[in-house]
């Protein structure tokens, strides 16, 4: 793996709002007690750690990497759900604006919230900042503790296979490790290898990986 750069995207642990299936964007909710117990430091230790500036991500980063300082970036926040923050499908299903958004989430926006286009530009801005730090500091292993929407967006942009936004799985407390060739990361190309984080084994003992077919 010499010469490669590794970035692992971790999703924060399960929160109380997640348990009741409420929309949780820029508002916050504490991690559940069970989530705190399940968040175990990974074997591979990153040299540089970034986290969304929301409490659920900062707390998750502290549990995963207790000996390392995490640099906070608001660019890695979840999409802002505006007036729908903290509400559930059952509370919103009669709302006309909500119905329109459900039918076209990439073009419609939550009232008082953020469009998908605005969200994407913000995440890309944070990604470019991370890349600049990686190259200026000579970092090989990086972790970003963030949200499900951010992880899905970055995988849609940089994974070695093409999938729709909602097809990417981003479990609480887990995520994905992307391995890039230096020049590919520098030029905004796809990673060459994608692995679940933490690594899980298939029945034959092999790792769950996705490779880029050139």
N, C-alpha and C. Protein backbone atom coordinates (compact mmCIF):
# COMPACT_ATOMS: atom_id res chain seq x y z
N UNK A 1 0.82 -1.21 0.00
CA UNK A 1 0.00 0.00 0.00
C UNK A 1 0.86 1.26 0.00
N UNK A 2 2.19 1.10 -0.14
CA UNK A 2 3.08 2.25 -0.14
C UNK A 2 2.69 3.21 -1.25
N UNK A 3 2.76 4.51 -0.95
CA UNK A 3 2.43 5.52 -1.94
C UNK A 3 0.96 5.83 -2.01
N UNK A 4 0.13 5.10 -1.26
CA UNK A 4 -1.30 5.35 -1.25
C UNK A 4 -1.70 6.25 -0.08
N UNK A 5 -2.81 6.94 -0.24
CA UNK A 5 -3.37 7.78 0.81
C UNK A 5 -4.72 7.22 1.21
N UNK A 6 -4.94 7.11 2.52
CA UNK A 6 -6.14 6.46 3.04
C UNK A 6 -6.99 7.47 3.81
N UNK A 7 -8.27 7.53 3.46
CA UNK A 7 -9.22 8.39 4.18
C UNK A 7 -10.41 7.52 4.61
N UNK A 8 -10.67 7.47 5.91
CA UNK A 8 -11.79 6.70 6.43
C UNK A 8 -12.91 7.64 6.85
N UNK A 9 -14.09 7.37 6.37
CA UNK A 9 -15.29 8.15 6.71
C UNK A 9 -16.08 7.39 7.77
N UNK A 10 -16.18 7.94 8.95
CA UNK A 10 -16.93 7.31 10.04
C UNK A 10 -18.24 8.06 10.28
N UNK A 11 -19.32 7.32 10.47
CA UNK A 11 -20.57 7.96 10.86
C UNK A 11 -20.68 7.97 12.38
N UNK A 12 -21.23 9.03 12.92
CA UNK A 12 -21.42 9.14 14.36
C UNK A 12 -22.29 7.99 14.88
N UNK A 13 -22.20 7.74 16.18
CA UNK A 13 -23.01 6.70 16.80
C UNK A 13 -24.49 7.06 16.82
N UNK A 14 -25.31 6.08 17.10
CA UNK A 14 -26.76 6.26 17.13
C UNK A 14 -27.16 7.25 18.23
N UNK A 15 -28.05 8.17 17.89
CA UNK A 15 -28.54 9.15 18.86
C UNK A 15 -29.98 8.84 19.26
N UNK A 16 -30.43 9.54 20.27
CA UNK A 16 -31.82 9.36 20.72
C UNK A 16 -32.80 9.78 19.64
N UNK A 17 -32.48 10.85 18.90
CA UNK A 17 -33.35 11.29 17.80
C UNK A 17 -33.35 10.27 16.66
N UNK A 18 -32.19 9.66 16.40
CA UNK A 18 -32.13 8.61 15.37
C UNK A 18 -33.03 7.44 15.75
N UNK A 19 -33.07 7.11 17.02
CA UNK A 19 -33.88 5.98 17.48
C UNK A 19 -35.36 6.19 17.19
N UNK A 20 -35.80 7.44 17.30
CA UNK A 20 -37.21 7.70 17.01
C UNK A 20 -37.42 8.16 15.56
N UNK A 21 -36.37 8.01 14.74
CA UNK A 21 -36.42 8.26 13.30
C UNK A 21 -36.82 9.69 12.97
N UNK A 22 -36.27 10.62 13.73
CA UNK A 22 -36.52 12.04 13.49
C UNK A 22 -35.45 12.60 12.56
N UNK A 23 -35.78 13.66 11.83
CA UNK A 23 -34.81 14.33 10.97
C UNK A 23 -33.84 15.11 11.85
N UNK A 24 -32.56 14.82 11.66
CA UNK A 24 -31.53 15.39 12.51
C UNK A 24 -30.42 15.93 11.62
N UNK A 25 -30.42 17.23 11.42
CA UNK A 25 -29.43 17.85 10.56
C UNK A 25 -28.48 18.71 11.38
N UNK A 26 -28.79 20.00 11.51
CA UNK A 26 -27.92 20.91 12.26
C UNK A 26 -28.30 20.96 13.74
N UNK A 27 -29.47 20.46 14.11
CA UNK A 27 -29.80 20.34 15.53
C UNK A 27 -29.04 19.14 16.07
N UNK A 28 -29.10 18.92 17.37
CA UNK A 28 -28.30 17.83 17.93
C UNK A 28 -29.12 16.98 18.88
N UNK A 29 -28.57 15.82 19.17
CA UNK A 29 -29.20 14.84 20.04
C UNK A 29 -28.09 13.99 20.64
N UNK A 30 -28.19 13.62 21.91
CA UNK A 30 -27.10 12.85 22.54
C UNK A 30 -27.04 11.41 22.01
N UNK A 31 -25.84 10.85 22.05
CA UNK A 31 -25.67 9.44 21.71
C UNK A 31 -26.41 8.59 22.75
N UNK A 32 -26.93 7.46 22.31
CA UNK A 32 -27.55 6.54 23.25
C UNK A 32 -26.47 5.86 24.09
N UNK A 33 -26.86 5.34 25.24
CA UNK A 33 -25.90 4.64 26.09
C UNK A 33 -25.34 3.41 25.38
N UNK A 34 -26.20 2.73 24.63
CA UNK A 34 -25.75 1.55 23.90
C UNK A 34 -24.70 1.93 22.85
N UNK A 35 -24.93 3.05 22.16
CA UNK A 35 -23.99 3.50 21.13
C UNK A 35 -22.62 3.79 21.74
N UNK A 36 -22.61 4.41 22.90
CA UNK A 36 -21.34 4.73 23.56
C UNK A 36 -20.54 3.47 23.87
N UNK A 37 -21.24 2.41 24.27
CA UNK A 37 -20.57 1.15 24.59
C UNK A 37 -20.05 0.44 23.35
N UNK A 38 -20.73 0.66 22.21
CA UNK A 38 -20.36 -0.03 20.97
C UNK A 38 -19.22 0.64 20.22
N UNK A 39 -18.94 1.89 20.52
CA UNK A 39 -17.90 2.63 19.80
C UNK A 39 -16.53 2.30 20.38
N UNK A 40 -15.83 1.40 19.71
CA UNK A 40 -14.53 0.92 20.17
C UNK A 40 -13.43 1.47 19.26
N UNK A 41 -12.33 1.97 19.82
CA UNK A 41 -11.24 2.49 18.98
C UNK A 41 -10.77 1.46 17.96
N UNK A 42 -10.64 1.85 16.68
CA UNK A 42 -10.19 0.92 15.65
C UNK A 42 -8.72 0.57 15.80
N UNK A 43 -8.32 -0.53 15.16
CA UNK A 43 -6.93 -0.98 15.23
C UNK A 43 -6.01 0.00 14.51
N UNK A 44 -6.43 0.44 13.32
CA UNK A 44 -5.61 1.38 12.54
C UNK A 44 -5.81 2.80 13.07
N UNK A 45 -4.73 3.45 13.45
CA UNK A 45 -4.79 4.79 14.03
C UNK A 45 -4.47 5.85 12.99
N UNK A 46 -5.39 6.75 12.67
CA UNK A 46 -5.10 7.81 11.70
C UNK A 46 -4.15 8.84 12.27
N UNK A 47 -3.42 9.48 11.39
CA UNK A 47 -2.51 10.54 11.80
C UNK A 47 -3.25 11.86 12.00
N UNK A 48 -4.34 12.03 11.27
CA UNK A 48 -5.08 13.28 11.28
C UNK A 48 -6.57 12.96 11.35
N UNK A 49 -7.29 13.66 12.23
CA UNK A 49 -8.72 13.39 12.43
C UNK A 49 -9.51 14.68 12.30
N UNK A 50 -10.56 14.62 11.51
CA UNK A 50 -11.50 15.73 11.37
C UNK A 50 -12.87 15.27 11.85
N UNK A 51 -13.67 16.21 12.30
CA UNK A 51 -15.02 15.88 12.72
C UNK A 51 -15.95 17.04 12.40
N UNK A 52 -17.19 16.71 12.13
CA UNK A 52 -18.23 17.73 12.10
C UNK A 52 -18.22 18.44 13.45
N UNK A 53 -18.62 19.71 13.47
CA UNK A 53 -18.61 20.45 14.73
C UNK A 53 -19.84 20.21 15.58
N UNK A 54 -20.71 19.28 15.17
CA UNK A 54 -21.89 18.95 15.98
C UNK A 54 -21.52 17.94 17.05
N UNK A 55 -22.20 18.03 18.19
CA UNK A 55 -21.81 17.28 19.39
C UNK A 55 -21.77 15.78 19.16
N UNK A 56 -22.72 15.23 18.42
CA UNK A 56 -22.76 13.78 18.25
C UNK A 56 -21.52 13.25 17.53
N UNK A 57 -20.96 14.06 16.64
CA UNK A 57 -19.74 13.66 15.94
C UNK A 57 -18.51 13.87 16.81
N UNK A 58 -18.47 14.97 17.52
CA UNK A 58 -17.33 15.23 18.40
C UNK A 58 -17.24 14.15 19.48
N UNK A 59 -18.39 13.77 20.01
CA UNK A 59 -18.40 12.72 21.05
C UNK A 59 -17.97 11.38 20.47
N UNK A 60 -18.43 11.07 19.27
CA UNK A 60 -18.03 9.82 18.61
C UNK A 60 -16.53 9.81 18.35
N UNK A 61 -15.99 10.93 17.86
CA UNK A 61 -14.56 11.02 17.60
C UNK A 61 -13.76 10.81 18.88
N UNK A 62 -14.25 11.33 20.00
CA UNK A 62 -13.56 11.16 21.27
C UNK A 62 -13.54 9.71 21.74
N UNK A 63 -14.58 8.97 21.41
CA UNK A 63 -14.66 7.56 21.80
C UNK A 63 -13.84 6.68 20.86
N UNK A 64 -13.82 7.01 19.57
CA UNK A 64 -13.06 6.22 18.61
C UNK A 64 -11.56 6.50 18.71
N UNK A 65 -11.23 7.77 18.96
CA UNK A 65 -9.81 8.18 18.96
C UNK A 65 -9.52 8.99 20.23
N UNK A 66 -9.56 8.35 21.38
CA UNK A 66 -9.45 9.09 22.65
C UNK A 66 -8.11 9.78 22.87
N UNK A 67 -7.08 9.36 22.16
CA UNK A 67 -5.75 9.92 22.38
C UNK A 67 -5.36 10.98 21.33
N UNK A 68 -6.29 11.28 20.42
CA UNK A 68 -5.95 12.21 19.33
C UNK A 68 -6.91 13.40 19.33
N UNK A 69 -6.38 14.55 19.01
CA UNK A 69 -7.21 15.74 18.86
C UNK A 69 -7.90 15.70 17.50
N UNK A 70 -9.19 16.01 17.47
CA UNK A 70 -9.94 16.07 16.22
C UNK A 70 -10.19 17.53 15.86
N UNK A 71 -9.95 17.86 14.61
CA UNK A 71 -10.17 19.22 14.12
C UNK A 71 -11.60 19.35 13.61
N UNK A 72 -12.32 20.33 14.14
CA UNK A 72 -13.74 20.49 13.82
C UNK A 72 -13.92 21.29 12.53
N UNK A 73 -14.87 20.81 11.70
CA UNK A 73 -15.19 21.52 10.46
C UNK A 73 -16.71 21.51 10.27
N UNK A 74 -17.29 22.72 10.25
CA UNK A 74 -18.73 22.79 10.04
C UNK A 74 -19.11 22.35 8.63
N UNK A 75 -18.14 22.34 7.71
CA UNK A 75 -18.41 21.90 6.34
C UNK A 75 -18.88 20.45 6.30
N UNK A 76 -18.54 19.67 7.34
CA UNK A 76 -18.93 18.26 7.37
C UNK A 76 -20.19 18.01 8.18
N UNK A 77 -20.99 19.07 8.42
CA UNK A 77 -22.30 18.87 9.04
C UNK A 77 -23.24 18.14 8.08
N UNK A 78 -24.27 17.52 8.67
CA UNK A 78 -25.34 16.93 7.89
C UNK A 78 -26.09 18.05 7.14
N UNK A 79 -26.89 17.69 6.16
CA UNK A 79 -27.73 18.67 5.48
C UNK A 79 -28.69 19.30 6.49
N UNK A 80 -28.97 20.58 6.33
CA UNK A 80 -29.83 21.33 7.25
C UNK A 80 -31.31 21.11 6.84
N UNK A 81 -32.09 20.52 7.76
CA UNK A 81 -33.49 20.22 7.47
C UNK A 81 -34.45 21.35 7.83
N UNK A 82 -33.92 22.48 8.27
CA UNK A 82 -34.76 23.65 8.50
C UNK A 82 -35.91 23.40 9.46
N UNK A 83 -37.13 23.74 9.02
CA UNK A 83 -38.32 23.61 9.86
C UNK A 83 -38.65 22.18 10.21
N UNK A 84 -38.03 21.24 9.55
CA UNK A 84 -38.33 19.82 9.81
C UNK A 84 -37.39 19.18 10.81
N UNK A 85 -36.44 19.95 11.32
CA UNK A 85 -35.49 19.41 12.30
C UNK A 85 -36.24 18.83 13.51
N UNK A 86 -35.89 17.61 13.88
CA UNK A 86 -36.47 16.98 15.06
C UNK A 86 -37.83 16.36 14.84
N UNK A 87 -38.39 16.50 13.63
CA UNK A 87 -39.71 15.95 13.35
C UNK A 87 -39.60 14.60 12.63
N UNK A 88 -40.64 13.80 12.75
CA UNK A 88 -40.65 12.48 12.13
C UNK A 88 -41.54 12.47 10.89
N UNK A 89 -41.47 11.38 10.14
CA UNK A 89 -42.32 11.22 8.96
C UNK A 89 -43.79 11.36 9.33
N UNK A 90 -44.18 10.75 10.43
CA UNK A 90 -45.58 10.79 10.84
C UNK A 90 -46.04 12.23 11.10
N UNK A 91 -45.15 13.06 11.60
CA UNK A 91 -45.49 14.45 11.88
C UNK A 91 -45.51 15.30 10.61
N UNK A 92 -44.83 14.85 9.57
CA UNK A 92 -44.67 15.67 8.36
C UNK A 92 -45.46 15.18 7.15
N UNK A 93 -45.95 13.97 7.20
CA UNK A 93 -46.51 13.35 6.00
C UNK A 93 -47.68 14.11 5.38
N UNK A 94 -48.35 14.97 6.14
CA UNK A 94 -49.45 15.75 5.59
C UNK A 94 -49.03 17.09 5.03
N UNK A 95 -47.76 17.44 5.16
CA UNK A 95 -47.23 18.73 4.71
C UNK A 95 -46.96 18.69 3.21
N UNK A 96 -47.52 19.63 2.46
CA UNK A 96 -47.36 19.65 1.00
C UNK A 96 -45.90 19.84 0.60
N UNK A 97 -45.19 20.73 1.29
CA UNK A 97 -43.77 20.96 0.97
C UNK A 97 -42.95 19.69 1.21
N UNK A 98 -43.31 18.99 2.27
CA UNK A 98 -42.60 17.75 2.58
C UNK A 98 -42.83 16.70 1.50
N UNK A 99 -44.04 16.60 1.03
CA UNK A 99 -44.36 15.65 -0.04
C UNK A 99 -43.56 15.97 -1.30
N UNK A 100 -43.48 17.26 -1.63
CA UNK A 100 -42.70 17.67 -2.81
C UNK A 100 -41.23 17.30 -2.65
N UNK A 101 -40.69 17.53 -1.47
CA UNK A 101 -39.29 17.21 -1.20
C UNK A 101 -39.04 15.70 -1.27
N UNK A 102 -39.97 14.93 -0.74
CA UNK A 102 -39.82 13.47 -0.77
C UNK A 102 -39.79 12.96 -2.21
N UNK A 103 -40.54 13.61 -3.07
CA UNK A 103 -40.58 13.20 -4.49
C UNK A 103 -39.37 13.69 -5.28
N UNK A 104 -38.75 14.78 -4.82
CA UNK A 104 -37.60 15.34 -5.55
C UNK A 104 -36.59 15.93 -4.56
N UNK A 105 -35.92 15.10 -3.74
CA UNK A 105 -35.04 15.62 -2.69
C UNK A 105 -33.79 16.32 -3.20
N UNK A 106 -33.44 16.12 -4.47
CA UNK A 106 -32.22 16.74 -5.00
C UNK A 106 -32.50 18.09 -5.66
N UNK A 107 -33.77 18.43 -5.80
CA UNK A 107 -34.13 19.72 -6.39
C UNK A 107 -34.98 20.58 -5.45
N UNK A 108 -35.79 19.96 -4.60
CA UNK A 108 -36.59 20.69 -3.62
C UNK A 108 -35.79 20.88 -2.34
N UNK A 109 -36.16 21.89 -1.54
CA UNK A 109 -35.44 22.18 -0.30
C UNK A 109 -36.40 22.26 0.88
N UNK A 110 -35.97 21.84 2.07
CA UNK A 110 -36.81 22.02 3.27
C UNK A 110 -36.98 23.50 3.56
N UNK A 111 -38.15 23.95 3.98
CA UNK A 111 -38.33 25.37 4.32
C UNK A 111 -37.40 25.78 5.46
N UNK A 112 -36.64 26.84 5.22
CA UNK A 112 -35.69 27.30 6.22
C UNK A 112 -34.43 26.45 6.29
N UNK A 113 -34.29 25.50 5.36
CA UNK A 113 -33.15 24.59 5.38
C UNK A 113 -32.20 24.80 4.23
N UNK A 114 -31.60 23.73 3.79
CA UNK A 114 -30.51 23.78 2.83
C UNK A 114 -30.86 22.93 1.61
N UNK A 115 -30.57 23.43 0.42
CA UNK A 115 -30.77 22.63 -0.78
C UNK A 115 -29.66 21.60 -0.90
N UNK A 116 -29.91 20.54 -1.67
CA UNK A 116 -28.88 19.53 -1.87
C UNK A 116 -27.66 20.13 -2.57
N UNK A 117 -27.89 21.07 -3.47
CA UNK A 117 -26.78 21.73 -4.16
C UNK A 117 -25.92 22.50 -3.19
N UNK A 118 -26.55 23.25 -2.27
CA UNK A 118 -25.80 24.00 -1.26
C UNK A 118 -25.02 23.04 -0.35
N UNK A 119 -25.68 21.96 0.04
CA UNK A 119 -25.05 20.94 0.87
C UNK A 119 -23.81 20.37 0.18
N UNK A 120 -23.94 20.01 -1.08
CA UNK A 120 -22.83 19.43 -1.83
C UNK A 120 -21.65 20.38 -1.94
N UNK A 121 -21.93 21.65 -2.21
CA UNK A 121 -20.85 22.64 -2.32
C UNK A 121 -20.11 22.79 -0.99
N UNK A 122 -20.86 22.76 0.10
CA UNK A 122 -20.26 22.89 1.42
C UNK A 122 -19.35 21.69 1.72
N UNK A 123 -19.84 20.49 1.46
CA UNK A 123 -19.04 19.28 1.71
C UNK A 123 -17.78 19.27 0.85
N UNK A 124 -17.92 19.65 -0.41
CA UNK A 124 -16.75 19.70 -1.31
C UNK A 124 -15.71 20.70 -0.80
N UNK A 125 -16.19 21.80 -0.24
CA UNK A 125 -15.26 22.79 0.31
C UNK A 125 -14.46 22.19 1.46
N UNK A 126 -15.12 21.45 2.33
CA UNK A 126 -14.42 20.78 3.42
C UNK A 126 -13.46 19.72 2.92
N UNK A 127 -13.88 18.96 1.89
CA UNK A 127 -13.03 17.92 1.31
C UNK A 127 -11.75 18.51 0.74
N UNK A 128 -11.87 19.64 0.05
CA UNK A 128 -10.69 20.29 -0.52
C UNK A 128 -9.74 20.78 0.58
N UNK A 129 -10.31 21.24 1.69
CA UNK A 129 -9.48 21.68 2.81
C UNK A 129 -8.71 20.50 3.41
N UNK A 130 -9.37 19.36 3.53
CA UNK A 130 -8.71 18.16 4.04
C UNK A 130 -7.60 17.73 3.10
N UNK A 131 -7.87 17.73 1.80
CA UNK A 131 -6.84 17.37 0.83
C UNK A 131 -5.62 18.29 0.93
N UNK A 132 -5.86 19.57 1.09
CA UNK A 132 -4.76 20.53 1.19
C UNK A 132 -3.90 20.21 2.40
N UNK A 133 -4.52 19.85 3.52
CA UNK A 133 -3.77 19.50 4.73
C UNK A 133 -2.99 18.21 4.53
N UNK A 134 -3.61 17.23 3.88
CA UNK A 134 -2.95 15.95 3.64
C UNK A 134 -1.66 16.16 2.86
N UNK A 135 -1.72 16.94 1.80
CA UNK A 135 -0.54 17.13 0.95
C UNK A 135 0.49 18.06 1.58
N UNK A 136 0.04 19.07 2.29
CA UNK A 136 1.01 20.00 2.88
C UNK A 136 1.73 19.39 4.08
N UNK A 137 1.06 18.46 4.78
CA UNK A 137 1.65 17.86 5.99
C UNK A 137 2.19 16.46 5.76
N UNK A 138 2.03 15.93 4.56
CA UNK A 138 2.54 14.60 4.27
C UNK A 138 1.80 13.50 5.02
N UNK A 139 0.49 13.61 5.15
CA UNK A 139 -0.33 12.66 5.91
C UNK A 139 -0.69 11.46 5.03
N UNK A 140 -0.61 10.26 5.60
CA UNK A 140 -0.98 9.05 4.86
C UNK A 140 -2.33 8.48 5.31
N UNK A 141 -2.66 8.62 6.59
CA UNK A 141 -3.89 8.06 7.15
C UNK A 141 -4.73 9.16 7.77
N UNK A 142 -5.95 9.33 7.28
CA UNK A 142 -6.85 10.39 7.76
C UNK A 142 -8.22 9.80 8.09
N UNK A 143 -8.87 10.35 9.10
CA UNK A 143 -10.24 9.95 9.44
C UNK A 143 -11.13 11.18 9.48
N UNK A 144 -12.36 11.02 9.01
CA UNK A 144 -13.37 12.09 9.08
C UNK A 144 -14.59 11.50 9.77
N UNK A 145 -14.95 12.04 10.93
CA UNK A 145 -16.13 11.60 11.66
C UNK A 145 -17.27 12.55 11.32
N UNK A 146 -18.30 12.04 10.68
CA UNK A 146 -19.31 12.93 10.10
C UNK A 146 -20.68 12.27 10.13
N UNK A 147 -21.51 12.57 9.15
CA UNK A 147 -22.92 12.16 9.14
C UNK A 147 -23.23 11.29 7.92
N UNK A 148 -24.37 10.63 7.98
CA UNK A 148 -24.74 9.73 6.90
C UNK A 148 -24.84 10.40 5.54
N UNK A 149 -25.42 11.59 5.49
CA UNK A 149 -25.56 12.29 4.22
C UNK A 149 -24.23 12.68 3.63
N UNK A 150 -23.31 13.10 4.48
CA UNK A 150 -21.97 13.50 4.01
C UNK A 150 -21.24 12.29 3.45
N UNK A 151 -21.32 11.16 4.15
CA UNK A 151 -20.66 9.94 3.69
C UNK A 151 -21.22 9.50 2.36
N UNK A 152 -22.53 9.49 2.23
CA UNK A 152 -23.16 9.08 0.96
C UNK A 152 -22.75 10.01 -0.18
N UNK A 153 -22.69 11.30 0.11
CA UNK A 153 -22.29 12.26 -0.92
C UNK A 153 -20.87 11.97 -1.40
N UNK A 154 -19.94 11.80 -0.46
CA UNK A 154 -18.54 11.59 -0.83
C UNK A 154 -18.33 10.25 -1.54
N UNK A 155 -19.10 9.24 -1.15
CA UNK A 155 -18.99 7.95 -1.84
C UNK A 155 -19.56 8.07 -3.26
N UNK A 156 -20.64 8.81 -3.40
CA UNK A 156 -21.20 9.00 -4.74
C UNK A 156 -20.19 9.70 -5.65
N UNK A 157 -19.40 10.60 -5.08
CA UNK A 157 -18.43 11.36 -5.86
C UNK A 157 -17.13 10.60 -6.12
N UNK A 158 -16.66 9.81 -5.13
CA UNK A 158 -15.28 9.31 -5.19
C UNK A 158 -15.11 7.80 -5.03
N UNK A 159 -16.20 7.06 -4.88
CA UNK A 159 -16.07 5.60 -4.77
C UNK A 159 -15.65 5.00 -6.11
N UNK A 160 -15.06 3.79 -6.10
CA UNK A 160 -14.59 3.18 -7.35
C UNK A 160 -15.70 2.58 -8.19
N UNK A 161 -16.91 2.53 -7.66
CA UNK A 161 -18.07 2.06 -8.43
C UNK A 161 -19.16 3.11 -8.34
N UNK A 162 -20.04 3.12 -9.31
CA UNK A 162 -21.10 4.12 -9.36
C UNK A 162 -22.38 3.58 -8.73
N UNK A 163 -22.89 4.31 -7.74
CA UNK A 163 -24.17 3.98 -7.11
C UNK A 163 -24.92 5.28 -6.87
N UNK A 164 -26.24 5.18 -6.79
CA UNK A 164 -27.05 6.34 -6.46
C UNK A 164 -26.83 6.72 -5.00
N UNK A 165 -27.12 7.95 -4.65
CA UNK A 165 -26.90 8.49 -3.31
C UNK A 165 -27.48 7.56 -2.24
N UNK A 166 -28.73 7.15 -2.40
CA UNK A 166 -29.40 6.37 -1.36
C UNK A 166 -28.99 4.91 -1.36
N UNK A 167 -28.26 4.47 -2.36
CA UNK A 167 -27.84 3.07 -2.40
C UNK A 167 -26.64 2.79 -1.50
N UNK A 168 -25.96 3.85 -1.07
CA UNK A 168 -24.80 3.66 -0.19
C UNK A 168 -25.26 3.47 1.25
N UNK A 169 -24.75 2.42 1.88
CA UNK A 169 -25.07 2.15 3.28
C UNK A 169 -24.08 2.88 4.17
N UNK A 170 -24.59 3.59 5.17
CA UNK A 170 -23.73 4.33 6.10
C UNK A 170 -24.24 4.09 7.52
N UNK A 171 -23.88 2.95 8.12
CA UNK A 171 -24.40 2.59 9.44
C UNK A 171 -23.83 3.47 10.55
N UNK A 172 -24.62 3.70 11.58
CA UNK A 172 -24.13 4.45 12.73
C UNK A 172 -22.95 3.72 13.37
N UNK A 173 -21.88 4.46 13.63
CA UNK A 173 -20.71 3.88 14.26
C UNK A 173 -19.79 3.14 13.30
N UNK A 174 -20.14 3.10 12.03
CA UNK A 174 -19.32 2.43 11.02
C UNK A 174 -19.03 3.37 9.87
N UNK A 175 -18.56 2.83 8.79
CA UNK A 175 -18.29 3.69 7.64
C UNK A 175 -17.48 2.98 6.57
N UNK A 176 -16.66 3.77 5.86
CA UNK A 176 -15.92 3.26 4.71
C UNK A 176 -14.50 3.82 4.68
N UNK A 177 -13.57 2.96 4.28
CA UNK A 177 -12.18 3.38 4.10
C UNK A 177 -11.88 3.46 2.61
N UNK A 178 -11.45 4.63 2.16
CA UNK A 178 -11.11 4.86 0.76
C UNK A 178 -9.59 4.96 0.61
N UNK A 179 -9.05 4.19 -0.32
CA UNK A 179 -7.62 4.22 -0.59
C UNK A 179 -7.39 4.85 -1.96
N UNK A 180 -6.63 5.94 -1.99
CA UNK A 180 -6.37 6.69 -3.21
C UNK A 180 -4.90 6.59 -3.62
N UNK A 181 -4.65 6.59 -4.90
CA UNK A 181 -3.32 6.91 -5.40
C UNK A 181 -3.15 8.42 -5.25
N UNK A 182 -1.95 8.85 -4.91
CA UNK A 182 -1.72 10.27 -4.61
C UNK A 182 -2.24 11.19 -5.71
N UNK A 183 -1.91 10.88 -6.94
CA UNK A 183 -2.29 11.76 -8.04
C UNK A 183 -3.80 11.75 -8.26
N UNK A 184 -4.44 10.61 -8.01
CA UNK A 184 -5.90 10.53 -8.16
C UNK A 184 -6.59 11.42 -7.14
N UNK A 185 -6.12 11.39 -5.89
CA UNK A 185 -6.72 12.25 -4.87
C UNK A 185 -6.48 13.72 -5.20
N UNK A 186 -5.29 14.03 -5.64
CA UNK A 186 -4.94 15.42 -5.97
C UNK A 186 -5.83 15.96 -7.08
N UNK A 187 -6.15 15.12 -8.05
CA UNK A 187 -6.91 15.57 -9.23
C UNK A 187 -8.42 15.32 -9.12
N UNK A 188 -8.88 14.88 -7.97
CA UNK A 188 -10.31 14.70 -7.77
C UNK A 188 -10.88 13.47 -8.44
N UNK A 189 -10.04 12.43 -8.59
CA UNK A 189 -10.51 11.19 -9.21
C UNK A 189 -11.02 10.22 -8.15
N UNK A 190 -11.56 9.10 -8.63
CA UNK A 190 -12.09 8.09 -7.71
C UNK A 190 -10.97 7.38 -6.97
N UNK A 191 -11.32 6.83 -5.79
CA UNK A 191 -10.35 5.99 -5.09
C UNK A 191 -10.22 4.66 -5.82
N UNK A 192 -9.17 3.93 -5.53
CA UNK A 192 -8.92 2.65 -6.21
C UNK A 192 -9.43 1.47 -5.40
N UNK A 193 -9.63 1.68 -4.09
CA UNK A 193 -10.06 0.59 -3.21
C UNK A 193 -11.00 1.14 -2.15
N UNK A 194 -12.08 0.41 -1.89
CA UNK A 194 -13.06 0.82 -0.89
C UNK A 194 -13.34 -0.36 0.02
N UNK A 195 -13.21 -0.15 1.34
CA UNK A 195 -13.44 -1.21 2.31
C UNK A 195 -14.37 -0.72 3.41
N UNK A 196 -15.20 -1.63 3.93
CA UNK A 196 -16.04 -1.27 5.06
C UNK A 196 -15.17 -1.00 6.29
N UNK A 197 -15.61 -0.06 7.10
CA UNK A 197 -14.88 0.27 8.33
C UNK A 197 -15.87 0.24 9.50
N UNK A 198 -15.63 -0.53 10.55
CA UNK A 198 -14.50 -1.45 10.66
C UNK A 198 -14.65 -2.60 9.66
N UNK A 199 -13.52 -3.19 9.28
CA UNK A 199 -13.51 -4.26 8.30
C UNK A 199 -14.35 -5.43 8.81
N UNK A 200 -15.24 -5.92 7.95
CA UNK A 200 -16.01 -7.12 8.28
C UNK A 200 -15.61 -8.22 7.33
N UNK A 201 -15.72 -9.45 7.78
CA UNK A 201 -15.27 -10.58 6.97
C UNK A 201 -16.43 -11.27 6.28
N UNK A 202 -16.22 -11.74 5.07
CA UNK A 202 -17.18 -12.58 4.36
C UNK A 202 -17.07 -14.00 4.90
N UNK A 203 -18.05 -14.86 4.59
CA UNK A 203 -18.00 -16.24 5.07
C UNK A 203 -16.71 -16.96 4.71
N UNK A 204 -16.07 -16.60 3.60
CA UNK A 204 -14.83 -17.27 3.20
C UNK A 204 -13.60 -16.66 3.86
N UNK A 205 -13.84 -15.65 4.74
CA UNK A 205 -12.73 -15.03 5.45
C UNK A 205 -12.13 -13.84 4.76
N UNK A 206 -12.59 -13.53 3.54
CA UNK A 206 -12.04 -12.38 2.81
C UNK A 206 -12.71 -11.09 3.27
N UNK A 207 -12.05 -9.97 3.02
CA UNK A 207 -12.59 -8.67 3.41
C UNK A 207 -13.60 -8.18 2.39
N UNK A 208 -14.55 -7.36 2.86
CA UNK A 208 -15.51 -6.73 1.96
C UNK A 208 -14.84 -5.52 1.33
N UNK A 209 -14.45 -5.65 0.07
CA UNK A 209 -13.76 -4.57 -0.61
C UNK A 209 -14.37 -4.34 -1.99
N UNK A 210 -14.20 -3.12 -2.47
CA UNK A 210 -14.60 -2.75 -3.83
C UNK A 210 -13.41 -2.10 -4.48
N UNK A 211 -13.00 -2.63 -5.62
CA UNK A 211 -11.85 -2.08 -6.32
C UNK A 211 -12.29 -1.35 -7.58
N UNK A 212 -11.47 -0.37 -7.93
CA UNK A 212 -11.72 0.41 -9.14
C UNK A 212 -11.21 -0.36 -10.36
N UNK A 213 -12.10 -0.59 -11.31
CA UNK A 213 -11.70 -1.28 -12.53
C UNK A 213 -11.33 -0.25 -13.59
N UNK A 214 -10.06 -0.22 -13.93
CA UNK A 214 -9.59 0.77 -14.90
C UNK A 214 -9.68 0.20 -16.32
